[in-house]
Amino acid sequence: MTNGWHQDVLGPEWVARTLDLPDGDTATLVRKATPPAGGERRRRAVLYVHGFVDYFFQDHLGDAFEDHGYAFYAIDLRGYGRSLAHWTEAGKDPNMVDDLSVYAQDLDAAAATIRAEGHDELVVVGHSTGGLVTSLWANARPGRIAALVLNSPWFDLNSSWFDRVVSTRVIDVVGRFAPRLKVGSLDDAYGQALHAGTGGEWDYELGWKPHEGFPVRAGWLREIRRGHAQIARGLRIGCPVLVLTSTRSGPNKGWHPEVITTDSVLDVQHIKDRAPGLGDDVTLVEIEGGAHDLVLSPEPARSAFLDEVFGWLDERLPG
């Protein structure tokens, strides 16, 4: 790993550094640029892990954790956001891996870097696909983290029984032999509802998070479905887990009036059904009026999400 921090694209209050991974790929770690007032070293840190067609830009989330006494870090996984250029220069497809377990290298490197900076207790926050990846990682790394917070984690396809069962069997074969085959794409309504350029509240880099997403490829979807199957069989995550979801799902195709006040990407019932199987200590909270990314929900849902997260952390990690 390199050890040089440099100013991040979010501005002078943020810095980033490249994480050189064992297989030659890279990820990017981001944190606030300055330590807390008085130079006090914070024992606890949080690591945020984004979803598919996503990267870390939610600086208000980082500020909220810092204000609550946590050192805040976020990672752009290999092939995403700040890590995308290195990935595509090597001829690889954006956001595309055909083995979810490689992300353990990214998360291991991030956790090691955070620990080397003097933090001995780590909370991980995962959103959507990041919620799937971090759940599998936490299960495979017992004792590594103090708590896991999942923001609308992706635990099953928001699709028909035929796609979730029959098509999954087809993808399992096709994805092995033709991993780069395009098998789907994202609907652009959710992204347009979020972005300031199309009437939303949030400004972010559309080259890294385009409204229409990046192509969904067979090898990637095969691995996602295998991850979903692990979740369905049940995990044994040893730390406390908080799962948060919107109260309702909206249509996941096309624009509708509640596109950012419901989960218009995932089926919240899938999340609620799978959550109890993550481990022995799982708390499920529903946020009224929450968007798919609860951090980007309109008020008052956004503040309700943060209140639930910090209330739960204060209870489970006192002192």
C-alpha atoms as a PDB file:
ATOM      1  CA  MET A   1       0.000   0.000   0.000  1.00  0.00           C
ATOM      2  CA  THR A   2       1.103   3.533  -0.638  1.00  0.00           C
ATOM      3  CA  ASN A   3       1.083   5.876   2.332  1.00  0.00           C
ATOM      4  CA  GLY A   4       0.444   9.240   0.698  1.00  0.00           C
ATOM      5  CA  TRP A   5      -2.749  11.160   1.295  1.00  0.00           C
ATOM      6  CA  HIS A   6      -3.692  13.849  -1.235  1.00  0.00           C
ATOM      7  CA  GLN A   7      -6.572  16.295  -1.556  1.00  0.00           C
ATOM      8  CA  ASP A   8      -9.743  14.563  -2.622  1.00  0.00           C
ATOM      9  CA  VAL A   9     -12.260  15.574  -5.284  1.00  0.00           C
ATOM     10  CA  LEU A  10     -14.691  16.527  -2.495  1.00  0.00           C
ATOM     11  CA  GLY A  11     -12.480  19.522  -1.679  1.00  0.00           C
ATOM     12  CA  PRO A  12      -9.912  20.667   0.879  1.00  0.00           C
ATOM     13  CA  GLU A  13     -11.720  19.127   3.849  1.00  0.00           C
ATOM     14  CA  TRP A  14     -11.193  15.639   2.430  1.00  0.00           C
ATOM     15  CA  VAL A  15      -8.158  13.553   1.477  1.00  0.00           C
ATOM     16  CA  ALA A  16      -7.753  10.274  -0.395  1.00  0.00           C
ATOM     17  CA  ARG A  17      -5.082   7.630  -0.854  1.00  0.00           C
ATOM     18  CA  THR A  18      -4.612   4.661  -3.129  1.00  0.00           C
ATOM     19  CA  LEU A  19      -4.652   1.161  -1.669  1.00  0.00           C
ATOM     20  CA  ASP A  20      -2.432  -1.201  -3.658  1.00  0.00           C
ATOM     21  CA  LEU A  21      -4.037  -4.630  -3.464  1.00  0.00           C
ATOM     22  CA  PRO A  22      -2.305  -8.055  -3.466  1.00  0.00           C
ATOM     23  CA  ASP A  23      -3.540  -8.970  -6.951  1.00  0.00           C
ATOM     24  CA  GLY A  24      -2.278  -5.752  -8.550  1.00  0.00           C
ATOM     25  CA  ASP A  25      -5.574  -3.849  -8.565  1.00  0.00           C
ATOM     26  CA  THR A  26      -6.239  -0.707  -6.548  1.00  0.00           C
ATOM     27  CA  ALA A  27      -8.971   0.733  -4.347  1.00  0.00           C
ATOM     28  CA  THR A  28      -9.241   4.243  -2.904  1.00  0.00           C
ATOM     29  CA  LEU A  29      -9.677   5.243   0.734  1.00  0.00           C
ATOM     30  CA  VAL A  30     -11.141   8.643   1.658  1.00  0.00           C
ATOM     31  CA  ARG A  31     -11.253  10.464   4.987  1.00  0.00           C
ATOM     32  CA  LYS A  32     -11.600  13.914   6.512  1.00  0.00           C
ATOM     33  CA  ALA A  33      -8.414  15.940   6.077  1.00  0.00           C
ATOM     34  CA  THR A  34      -8.002  17.230   9.623  1.00  0.00           C
ATOM     35  CA  PRO A  35      -8.058  15.483  13.012  1.00  0.00           C
ATOM     36  CA  PRO A  36     -10.635  16.566  15.616  1.00  0.00           C
ATOM     37  CA  ALA A  37     -10.055  19.741  17.601  1.00  0.00           C
ATOM     38  CA  GLY A  38      -7.170  19.444  20.042  1.00  0.00           C
ATOM     39  CA  GLY A  39      -5.557  16.659  18.041  1.00  0.00           C
ATOM     40  CA  GLU A  40      -7.403  13.986  20.022  1.00  0.00           C
ATOM     41  CA  ARG A  41      -7.117  10.545  18.469  1.00  0.00           C
ATOM     42  CA  ARG A  42     -10.486   8.876  18.126  1.00  0.00           C
ATOM     43  CA  ARG A  43     -10.431   5.223  19.069  1.00  0.00           C
ATOM     44  CA  ARG A  44     -13.473   4.357  16.987  1.00  0.00           C
ATOM     45  CA  ALA A  45     -13.703   4.639  13.229  1.00  0.00           C
ATOM     46  CA  VAL A  46     -16.361   3.909  10.639  1.00  0.00           C
ATOM     47  CA  LEU A  47     -15.809   2.591   7.106  1.00  0.00           C
ATOM     48  CA  TYR A  48     -18.504   3.309   4.522  1.00  0.00           C
ATOM     49  CA  VAL A  49     -18.917   0.962   1.522  1.00  0.00           C
ATOM     50  CA  HIS A  50     -20.993   2.134  -1.466  1.00  0.00           C
ATOM     51  CA  GLY A  51     -23.335   0.222  -3.769  1.00  0.00           C
ATOM     52  CA  PHE A  52     -23.374  -0.677  -7.487  1.00  0.00           C
ATOM     53  CA  VAL A  53     -22.926   2.235  -9.948  1.00  0.00           C
ATOM     54  CA  ASP A  54     -21.905   4.338  -6.977  1.00  0.00           C
ATOM     55  CA  TYR A  55     -18.992   5.866  -5.079  1.00  0.00           C
ATOM     56  CA  PHE A  56     -18.540   7.931  -1.922  1.00  0.00           C
ATOM     57  CA  PHE A  57     -19.830  11.484  -2.290  1.00  0.00           C
ATOM     58  CA  GLN A  58     -22.160  11.695   0.731  1.00  0.00           C
ATOM     59  CA  ASP A  59     -19.943  14.072   2.705  1.00  0.00           C
ATOM     60  CA  HIS A  60     -22.839  14.965   5.001  1.00  0.00           C
ATOM     61  CA  LEU A  61     -22.765  11.363   6.255  1.00  0.00           C
ATOM     62  CA  GLY A  62     -19.072  11.693   7.043  1.00  0.00           C
ATOM     63  CA  ASP A  63     -19.687  14.965   8.858  1.00  0.00           C
ATOM     64  CA  ALA A  64     -22.468  13.381  10.928  1.00  0.00           C
ATOM     65  CA  PHE A  65     -20.228  10.505  12.038  1.00  0.00           C
ATOM     66  CA  GLU A  66     -17.363  12.878  12.824  1.00  0.00           C
ATOM     67  CA  ASP A  67     -19.713  15.038  14.907  1.00  0.00           C
ATOM     68  CA  HIS A  68     -20.777  11.906  16.764  1.00  0.00           C
ATOM     69  CA  GLY A  69     -17.204  11.046  17.739  1.00  0.00           C
ATOM     70  CA  TYR A  70     -16.170   8.621  14.996  1.00  0.00           C
ATOM     71  CA  ALA A  71     -13.268   9.018  12.592  1.00  0.00           C
ATOM     72  CA  PHE A  72     -14.914   8.590   9.203  1.00  0.00           C
ATOM     73  CA  TYR A  73     -13.474   6.708   6.241  1.00  0.00           C
ATOM     74  CA  ALA A  74     -15.028   5.582   2.962  1.00  0.00           C
ATOM     75  CA  ILE A  75     -13.754   3.265   0.253  1.00  0.00           C
ATOM     76  CA  ASP A  76     -14.269   3.329  -3.488  1.00  0.00           C
ATOM     77  CA  LEU A  77     -13.870  -0.345  -4.330  1.00  0.00           C
ATOM     78  CA  ARG A  78     -11.827  -1.521  -7.312  1.00  0.00           C
ATOM     79  CA  GLY A  79     -13.498  -0.494 -10.562  1.00  0.00           C
ATOM     80  CA  TYR A  80     -15.660   2.192  -8.923  1.00  0.00           C
ATOM     81  CA  GLY A  81     -15.488   5.979  -8.632  1.00  0.00           C
ATOM     82  CA  ARG A  82     -12.000   7.188  -7.772  1.00  0.00           C
ATOM     83  CA  SER A  83     -10.653   3.704  -8.558  1.00  0.00           C
ATOM     84  CA  LEU A  84     -12.313   3.513 -11.979  1.00  0.00           C
ATOM     85  CA  ALA A  85      -9.562   5.007 -14.176  1.00  0.00           C
ATOM     86  CA  HIS A  86      -6.921   2.493 -13.088  1.00  0.00           C
ATOM     87  CA  TRP A  87      -9.426  -0.287 -13.685  1.00  0.00           C
ATOM     88  CA  THR A  88     -10.541   0.731 -17.164  1.00  0.00           C
ATOM     89  CA  GLU A  89      -6.974   1.534 -18.243  1.00  0.00           C
ATOM     90  CA  ALA A  90      -6.296  -2.157 -17.659  1.00  0.00           C
ATOM     91  CA  GLY A  91      -9.122  -2.980 -20.099  1.00  0.00           C
ATOM     92  CA  LYS A  92     -11.675  -3.974 -17.474  1.00  0.00           C
ATOM     93  CA  ASP A  93     -15.389  -3.162 -17.471  1.00  0.00           C
ATOM     94  CA  PRO A  94     -16.647  -0.561 -14.955  1.00  0.00           C
ATOM     95  CA  ASN A  95     -17.930  -2.032 -11.673  1.00  0.00           C
ATOM     96  CA  MET A  96     -17.426  -5.566 -13.061  1.00  0.00           C
ATOM     97  CA  VAL A  97     -15.928  -8.473 -11.154  1.00  0.00           C
ATOM     98  CA  ASP A  98     -16.725 -12.139 -11.631  1.00  0.00           C
ATOM     99  CA  ASP A  99     -15.731 -13.114  -8.073  1.00  0.00           C
ATOM    100  CA  LEU A 100     -17.217 -11.221  -5.122  1.00  0.00           C
ATOM    101  CA  SER A 101     -14.561 -12.603  -2.794  1.00  0.00           C
ATOM    102  CA  VAL A 102     -11.933 -10.285  -4.344  1.00  0.00           C
ATOM    103  CA  TYR A 103     -13.526  -7.415  -2.442  1.00  0.00           C
ATOM    104  CA  ALA A 104     -12.182  -8.984   0.736  1.00  0.00           C
ATOM    105  CA  GLN A 105      -8.787  -7.669  -0.398  1.00  0.00           C
ATOM    106  CA  ASP A 106     -10.190  -4.141  -0.669  1.00  0.00           C
ATOM    107  CA  LEU A 107     -11.849  -4.275   2.732  1.00  0.00           C
ATOM    108  CA  ASP A 108      -8.892  -5.976   4.405  1.00  0.00           C
ATOM    109  CA  ALA A 109      -6.585  -3.254   3.077  1.00  0.00           C
ATOM    110  CA  ALA A 110      -8.926  -0.497   4.233  1.00  0.00           C
ATOM    111  CA  ALA A 111      -9.309  -2.022   7.699  1.00  0.00           C
ATOM    112  CA  ALA A 112      -5.535  -2.452   8.043  1.00  0.00           C
ATOM    113  CA  THR A 113      -4.923   1.165   7.026  1.00  0.00           C
ATOM    114  CA  ILE A 114      -7.515   2.452   9.483  1.00  0.00           C
ATOM    115  CA  ARG A 115      -6.013   0.382  12.280  1.00  0.00           C
ATOM    116  CA  ALA A 116      -2.523   1.650  11.387  1.00  0.00           C
ATOM    117  CA  GLU A 117      -3.825   5.190  11.857  1.00  0.00           C
ATOM    118  CA  GLY A 118      -4.526   4.386  15.486  1.00  0.00           C
ATOM    119  CA  HIS A 119      -8.164   3.252  15.514  1.00  0.00           C
ATOM    120  CA  ASP A 120      -8.775   0.010  17.372  1.00  0.00           C
ATOM    121  CA  GLU A 121     -12.543  -0.337  16.925  1.00  0.00           C
ATOM    122  CA  LEU A 122     -14.214  -0.351  13.515  1.00  0.00           C
ATOM    123  CA  VAL A 123     -17.854  -0.003  12.495  1.00  0.00           C
ATOM    124  CA  VAL A 124     -18.700  -0.829   8.868  1.00  0.00           C
ATOM    125  CA  VAL A 125     -21.620   0.762   6.995  1.00  0.00           C
ATOM    126  CA  GLY A 126     -22.661  -0.905   3.734  1.00  0.00           C
ATOM    127  CA  HIS A 127     -25.232   0.330   1.213  1.00  0.00           C
ATOM    128  CA  SER A 128     -27.102  -1.878  -1.297  1.00  0.00           C
ATOM    129  CA  THR A 129     -24.497  -4.072  -3.064  1.00  0.00           C
ATOM    130  CA  GLY A 130     -22.062  -2.803  -0.447  1.00  0.00           C
ATOM    131  CA  GLY A 131     -24.440  -4.243   2.137  1.00  0.00           C
ATOM    132  CA  LEU A 132     -24.194  -7.644   0.473  1.00  0.00           C
ATOM    133  CA  VAL A 133     -20.395  -7.454   0.184  1.00  0.00           C
ATOM    134  CA  THR A 134     -19.855  -6.290   3.765  1.00  0.00           C
ATOM    135  CA  SER A 135     -22.213  -8.929   5.161  1.00  0.00           C
ATOM    136  CA  LEU A 136     -20.236 -11.700   3.453  1.00  0.00           C
ATOM    137  CA  TRP A 137     -16.947 -10.117   4.549  1.00  0.00           C
ATOM    138  CA  ALA A 138     -18.014  -9.708   8.175  1.00  0.00           C
ATOM    139  CA  ASN A 139     -19.152 -13.328   8.202  1.00  0.00           C
ATOM    140  CA  ALA A 140     -15.752 -14.455   6.885  1.00  0.00           C
ATOM    141  CA  ARG A 141     -13.761 -12.206   9.268  1.00  0.00           C
ATOM    142  CA  PRO A 142     -15.083 -12.930  12.774  1.00  0.00           C
ATOM    143  CA  GLY A 143     -13.867 -10.433  15.341  1.00  0.00           C
ATOM    144  CA  ARG A 144     -12.677  -7.928  12.731  1.00  0.00           C
ATOM    145  CA  ILE A 145     -15.382  -5.294  13.317  1.00  0.00           C
ATOM    146  CA  ALA A 146     -17.399  -4.073  16.285  1.00  0.00           C
ATOM    147  CA  ALA A 147     -20.709  -3.522  14.474  1.00  0.00           C
ATOM    148  CA  LEU A 148     -22.248  -3.683  11.009  1.00  0.00           C
ATOM    149  CA  VAL A 149     -24.808  -1.158   9.746  1.00  0.00           C
ATOM    150  CA  LEU A 150     -26.656  -2.022   6.528  1.00  0.00           C
ATOM    151  CA  ASN A 151     -28.429   0.672   4.533  1.00  0.00           C
ATOM    152  CA  SER A 152     -30.949  -1.004   2.183  1.00  0.00           C
ATOM    153  CA  PRO A 153     -28.741  -4.073   1.625  1.00  0.00           C
ATOM    154  CA  TRP A 154     -29.217  -6.033  -1.606  1.00  0.00           C
ATOM    155  CA  PHE A 155     -30.228  -9.535  -0.544  1.00  0.00           C
ATOM    156  CA  ASP A 156     -32.331 -10.704  -3.523  1.00  0.00           C
ATOM    157  CA  LEU A 157     -33.371  -9.695  -7.025  1.00  0.00           C
ATOM    158  CA  ASN A 158     -36.264  -7.273  -7.203  1.00  0.00           C
ATOM    159  CA  SER A 159     -37.830  -9.264  -9.994  1.00  0.00           C
ATOM    160  CA  SER A 160     -40.264 -12.027 -10.804  1.00  0.00           C
ATOM    161  CA  TRP A 161     -40.122 -15.586  -9.486  1.00  0.00           C
ATOM    162  CA  PHE A 162     -39.012 -16.665 -12.963  1.00  0.00           C
ATOM    163  CA  ASP A 163     -35.989 -14.355 -12.887  1.00  0.00           C
ATOM    164  CA  ARG A 164     -35.117 -15.201  -9.296  1.00  0.00           C
ATOM    165  CA  VAL A 165     -35.262 -18.952  -9.908  1.00  0.00           C
ATOM    166  CA  VAL A 166     -35.184 -19.995 -13.565  1.00  0.00           C
ATOM    167  CA  SER A 167     -33.130 -17.141 -15.000  1.00  0.00           C
ATOM    168  CA  THR A 168     -30.683 -17.438 -12.125  1.00  0.00           C
ATOM    169  CA  ARG A 169     -29.932 -21.020 -13.154  1.00  0.00           C
ATOM    170  CA  VAL A 170     -29.325 -19.877 -16.709  1.00  0.00           C
ATOM    171  CA  ILE A 171     -27.056 -17.040 -15.549  1.00  0.00           C
ATOM    172  CA  ASP A 172     -25.065 -19.484 -13.445  1.00  0.00           C
ATOM    173  CA  VAL A 173     -24.098 -21.310 -16.639  1.00  0.00           C
ATOM    174  CA  VAL A 174     -23.830 -18.340 -19.005  1.00  0.00           C
ATOM    175  CA  GLY A 175     -21.832 -16.283 -16.514  1.00  0.00           C
ATOM    176  CA  ARG A 176     -19.191 -18.985 -16.294  1.00  0.00           C
ATOM    177  CA  PHE A 177     -18.558 -19.200 -20.034  1.00  0.00           C
ATOM    178  CA  ALA A 178     -19.437 -15.665 -21.213  1.00  0.00           C
ATOM    179  CA  PRO A 179     -18.831 -13.426 -18.182  1.00  0.00           C
ATOM    180  CA  ARG A 180     -18.768 -10.164 -20.198  1.00  0.00           C
ATOM    181  CA  LEU A 181     -22.102 -10.800 -21.899  1.00  0.00           C
ATOM    182  CA  LYS A 182     -24.461  -7.871 -21.236  1.00  0.00           C
ATOM    183  CA  VAL A 183     -27.631  -9.198 -19.612  1.00  0.00           C
ATOM    184  CA  GLY A 184     -29.281  -6.052 -18.279  1.00  0.00           C
ATOM    185  CA  SER A 185     -29.073  -2.396 -17.312  1.00  0.00           C
ATOM    186  CA  LEU A 186     -30.387  -0.019 -14.680  1.00  0.00           C
ATOM    187  CA  ASP A 187     -33.443   2.160 -15.020  1.00  0.00           C
ATOM    188  CA  ASP A 188     -32.461   5.853 -15.057  1.00  0.00           C
ATOM    189  CA  ALA A 189     -35.409   7.307 -13.111  1.00  0.00           C
ATOM    190  CA  TYR A 190     -33.870   6.944  -9.640  1.00  0.00           C
ATOM    191  CA  GLY A 191     -30.606   8.612 -10.647  1.00  0.00           C
ATOM    192  CA  GLN A 192     -32.385  11.486 -12.343  1.00  0.00           C
ATOM    193  CA  ALA A 193     -34.532  12.034  -9.252  1.00  0.00           C
ATOM    194  CA  LEU A 194     -31.393  12.291  -7.098  1.00  0.00           C
ATOM    195  CA  HIS A 195     -29.095  14.458  -9.214  1.00  0.00           C
ATOM    196  CA  ALA A 196     -29.149  18.250  -8.997  1.00  0.00           C
ATOM    197  CA  GLY A 197     -28.823  18.547 -12.772  1.00  0.00           C
ATOM    198  CA  THR A 198     -32.203  16.877 -13.274  1.00  0.00           C
ATOM    199  CA  GLY A 199     -34.098  18.426 -10.379  1.00  0.00           C
ATOM    200  CA  GLY A 200     -32.729  16.440  -7.451  1.00  0.00           C
ATOM    201  CA  GLU A 201     -30.905  17.497  -4.287  1.00  0.00           C
ATOM    202  CA  TRP A 202     -27.465  15.942  -4.823  1.00  0.00           C
ATOM    203  CA  ASP A 203     -24.466  16.829  -6.963  1.00  0.00           C
ATOM    204  CA  TYR A 204     -22.082  14.048  -7.926  1.00  0.00           C
ATOM    205  CA  GLU A 205     -19.857  12.923 -10.789  1.00  0.00           C
ATOM    206  CA  LEU A 206     -22.036  11.440 -13.522  1.00  0.00           C
ATOM    207  CA  GLY A 207     -19.037   9.744 -15.119  1.00  0.00           C
ATOM    208  CA  TRP A 208     -18.770   7.628 -11.980  1.00  0.00           C
ATOM    209  CA  LYS A 209     -22.483   7.339 -11.231  1.00  0.00           C
ATOM    210  CA  PRO A 210     -24.380   7.720 -14.531  1.00  0.00           C
ATOM    211  CA  HIS A 211     -28.171   7.748 -14.450  1.00  0.00           C
ATOM    212  CA  GLU A 212     -28.367   4.751 -16.780  1.00  0.00           C
ATOM    213  CA  GLY A 213     -25.657   2.900 -14.860  1.00  0.00           C
ATOM    214  CA  PHE A 214     -23.091   0.583 -16.389  1.00  0.00           C
ATOM    215  CA  PRO A 215     -23.990  -2.639 -18.222  1.00  0.00           C
ATOM    216  CA  VAL A 216     -24.975  -5.569 -16.027  1.00  0.00           C
ATOM    217  CA  ARG A 217     -22.810  -8.473 -17.187  1.00  0.00           C
ATOM    218  CA  ALA A 218     -23.409 -12.183 -16.810  1.00  0.00           C
ATOM    219  CA  GLY A 219     -20.310 -12.987 -14.751  1.00  0.00           C
ATOM    220  CA  TRP A 220     -21.078 -10.226 -12.275  1.00  0.00           C
ATOM    221  CA  LEU A 221     -24.746 -11.162 -11.925  1.00  0.00           C
ATOM    222  CA  ARG A 222     -23.774 -14.818 -11.467  1.00  0.00           C
ATOM    223  CA  GLU A 223     -21.617 -13.827  -8.504  1.00  0.00           C
ATOM    224  CA  ILE A 224     -24.291 -11.548  -7.061  1.00  0.00           C
ATOM    225  CA  ARG A 225     -26.813 -14.382  -7.175  1.00  0.00           C
ATOM    226  CA  ARG A 226     -24.331 -16.697  -5.496  1.00  0.00           C
ATOM    227  CA  GLY A 227     -23.927 -14.085  -2.780  1.00  0.00           C
ATOM    228  CA  HIS A 228     -27.699 -13.854  -2.446  1.00  0.00           C
ATOM    229  CA  ALA A 229     -27.814 -17.642  -2.037  1.00  0.00           C
ATOM    230  CA  GLN A 230     -25.323 -17.420   0.836  1.00  0.00           C
ATOM    231  CA  ILE A 231     -27.507 -14.826   2.526  1.00  0.00           C
ATOM    232  CA  ALA A 232     -30.577 -17.036   2.025  1.00  0.00           C
ATOM    233  CA  ARG A 233     -28.818 -20.003   3.636  1.00  0.00           C
ATOM    234  CA  GLY A 234     -27.956 -17.841   6.630  1.00  0.00           C
ATOM    235  CA  LEU A 235     -24.765 -16.323   8.005  1.00  0.00           C
ATOM    236  CA  ARG A 236     -23.169 -16.250  11.446  1.00  0.00           C
ATOM    237  CA  ILE A 237     -22.020 -12.648  11.737  1.00  0.00           C
ATOM    238  CA  GLY A 238     -20.621 -12.359  15.236  1.00  0.00           C
ATOM    239  CA  CYS A 239     -21.031  -8.643  15.832  1.00  0.00           C
ATOM    240  CA  PRO A 240     -24.293  -6.698  16.294  1.00  0.00           C
ATOM    241  CA  VAL A 241     -26.005  -5.890  12.984  1.00  0.00           C
ATOM    242  CA  LEU A 242     -28.403  -3.014  12.259  1.00  0.00           C
ATOM    243  CA  VAL A 243     -30.459  -3.342   9.073  1.00  0.00           C
ATOM    244  CA  LEU A 244     -32.329  -0.257   7.876  1.00  0.00           C
ATOM    245  CA  THR A 245     -34.805  -0.081   5.019  1.00  0.00           C
ATOM    246  CA  SER A 246     -37.551   2.138   3.713  1.00  0.00           C
ATOM    247  CA  THR A 247     -41.054   1.231   4.851  1.00  0.00           C
ATOM    248  CA  ARG A 248     -42.196   0.585   1.292  1.00  0.00           C
ATOM    249  CA  SER A 249     -40.966  -0.327  -2.172  1.00  0.00           C
ATOM    250  CA  GLY A 250     -41.968   1.647  -5.232  1.00  0.00           C
ATOM    251  CA  PRO A 251     -41.916   0.587  -8.883  1.00  0.00           C
ATOM    252  CA  ASN A 252     -38.320  -0.024 -10.001  1.00  0.00           C
ATOM    253  CA  LYS A 253     -39.015   0.888 -13.631  1.00  0.00           C
ATOM    254  CA  GLY A 254     -39.776   4.414 -14.822  1.00  0.00           C
ATOM    255  CA  TRP A 255     -40.483   7.654 -13.000  1.00  0.00           C
ATOM    256  CA  HIS A 256     -43.237   7.867 -10.373  1.00  0.00           C
ATOM    257  CA  PRO A 257     -44.056  10.488  -7.706  1.00  0.00           C
ATOM    258  CA  GLU A 258     -42.540   8.464  -4.842  1.00  0.00           C
ATOM    259  CA  VAL A 259     -39.279   7.507  -6.527  1.00  0.00           C
ATOM    260  CA  ILE A 260     -37.190   8.963  -3.652  1.00  0.00           C
ATOM    261  CA  THR A 261     -39.655   8.446  -0.803  1.00  0.00           C
ATOM    262  CA  THR A 262     -39.820   4.667  -1.292  1.00  0.00           C
ATOM    263  CA  ASP A 263     -37.162   2.107  -2.168  1.00  0.00           C
ATOM    264  CA  SER A 264     -37.543   2.221  -5.946  1.00  0.00           C
ATOM    265  CA  VAL A 265     -34.606  -0.143  -6.526  1.00  0.00           C
ATOM    266  CA  LEU A 266     -35.068  -3.103  -4.159  1.00  0.00           C
ATOM    267  CA  ASP A 267     -37.979  -5.025  -2.653  1.00  0.00           C
ATOM    268  CA  VAL A 268     -37.959  -4.131   1.040  1.00  0.00           C
ATOM    269  CA  GLN A 269     -39.740  -7.381   1.893  1.00  0.00           C
ATOM    270  CA  HIS A 270     -36.685  -9.301   0.683  1.00  0.00           C
ATOM    271  CA  ILE A 271     -34.541  -7.287   3.091  1.00  0.00           C
ATOM    272  CA  LYS A 272     -36.906  -7.901   5.992  1.00  0.00           C
ATOM    273  CA  ASP A 273     -37.139 -11.614   5.213  1.00  0.00           C
ATOM    274  CA  ARG A 274     -33.372 -12.146   5.008  1.00  0.00           C
ATOM    275  CA  ALA A 275     -32.215  -9.882   7.837  1.00  0.00           C
ATOM    276  CA  PRO A 276     -32.888 -12.307  10.739  1.00  0.00           C
ATOM    277  CA  GLY A 277     -30.602 -14.895   9.155  1.00  0.00           C
ATOM    278  CA  LEU A 278     -27.515 -12.690   9.273  1.00  0.00           C
ATOM    279  CA  GLY A 279     -26.598 -13.613  12.850  1.00  0.00           C
ATOM    280  CA  ASP A 280     -27.798 -13.863  16.430  1.00  0.00           C
ATOM    281  CA  ASP A 281     -27.949 -10.111  17.100  1.00  0.00           C
ATOM    282  CA  VAL A 282     -29.847  -8.328  14.329  1.00  0.00           C
ATOM    283  CA  THR A 283     -32.009  -5.215  14.653  1.00  0.00           C
ATOM    284  CA  LEU A 284     -34.352  -4.208  11.811  1.00  0.00           C
ATOM    285  CA  VAL A 285     -35.558  -0.604  11.466  1.00  0.00           C
ATOM    286  CA  GLU A 286     -37.897   0.820   8.825  1.00  0.00           C
ATOM    287  CA  ILE A 287     -37.646   4.481   7.793  1.00  0.00           C
ATOM    288  CA  GLU A 288     -40.868   6.157   6.691  1.00  0.00           C
ATOM    289  CA  GLY A 289     -40.354   8.090   3.462  1.00  0.00           C
ATOM    290  CA  GLY A 290     -36.871   6.676   2.912  1.00  0.00           C
ATOM    291  CA  ALA A 291     -35.199   6.463  -0.490  1.00  0.00           C
ATOM    292  CA  HIS A 292     -33.237   3.418  -1.635  1.00  0.00           C
ATOM    293  CA  ASP A 293     -30.105   5.115  -0.321  1.00  0.00           C
ATOM    294  CA  LEU A 294     -31.465   6.232   3.011  1.00  0.00           C
ATOM    295  CA  VAL A 295     -28.577   8.697   3.364  1.00  0.00           C
ATOM    296  CA  LEU A 296     -29.971  10.557   0.328  1.00  0.00           C
ATOM    297  CA  SER A 297     -33.590  10.557   1.488  1.00  0.00           C
ATOM    298  CA  PRO A 298     -35.448  13.858   1.652  1.00  0.00           C
ATOM    299  CA  GLU A 299     -36.098  15.214   5.116  1.00  0.00           C
ATOM    300  CA  PRO A 300     -37.363  14.175   7.587  1.00  0.00           C
ATOM    301  CA  ALA A 301     -36.440  10.609   6.601  1.00  0.00           C
ATOM    302  CA  ARG A 302     -32.727  11.431   6.295  1.00  0.00           C
ATOM    303  CA  SER A 303     -32.503  12.691   9.870  1.00  0.00           C
ATOM    304  CA  ALA A 304     -34.633   9.772  11.088  1.00  0.00           C
ATOM    305  CA  PHE A 305     -32.118   7.378   9.509  1.00  0.00           C
ATOM    306  CA  LEU A 306     -29.170   9.079  11.230  1.00  0.00           C
ATOM    307  CA  ASP A 307     -30.999   9.202  14.561  1.00  0.00           C
ATOM    308  CA  GLU A 308     -31.666   5.461  14.371  1.00  0.00           C
ATOM    309  CA  VAL A 309     -28.056   4.668  13.471  1.00  0.00           C
ATOM    310  CA  PHE A 310     -26.516   6.756  16.232  1.00  0.00           C
ATOM    311  CA  GLY A 311     -29.072   5.694  18.836  1.00  0.00           C
ATOM    312  CA  TRP A 312     -28.355   2.050  18.078  1.00  0.00           C
ATOM    313  CA  LEU A 313     -24.574   2.540  18.107  1.00  0.00           C
ATOM    314  CA  ASP A 314     -24.737   4.404  21.424  1.00  0.00           C
ATOM    315  CA  GLU A 315     -26.680   1.490  22.887  1.00  0.00           C
ATOM    316  CA  ARG A 316     -24.525  -1.320  21.461  1.00  0.00           C
ATOM    317  CA  LEU A 317     -21.121   0.365  21.745  1.00  0.00           C
ATOM    318  CA  PRO A 318     -21.356   2.467  24.923  1.00  0.00           C
ATOM    319  CA  GLY A 319     -18.432   4.416  26.308  1.00  0.00           C
END
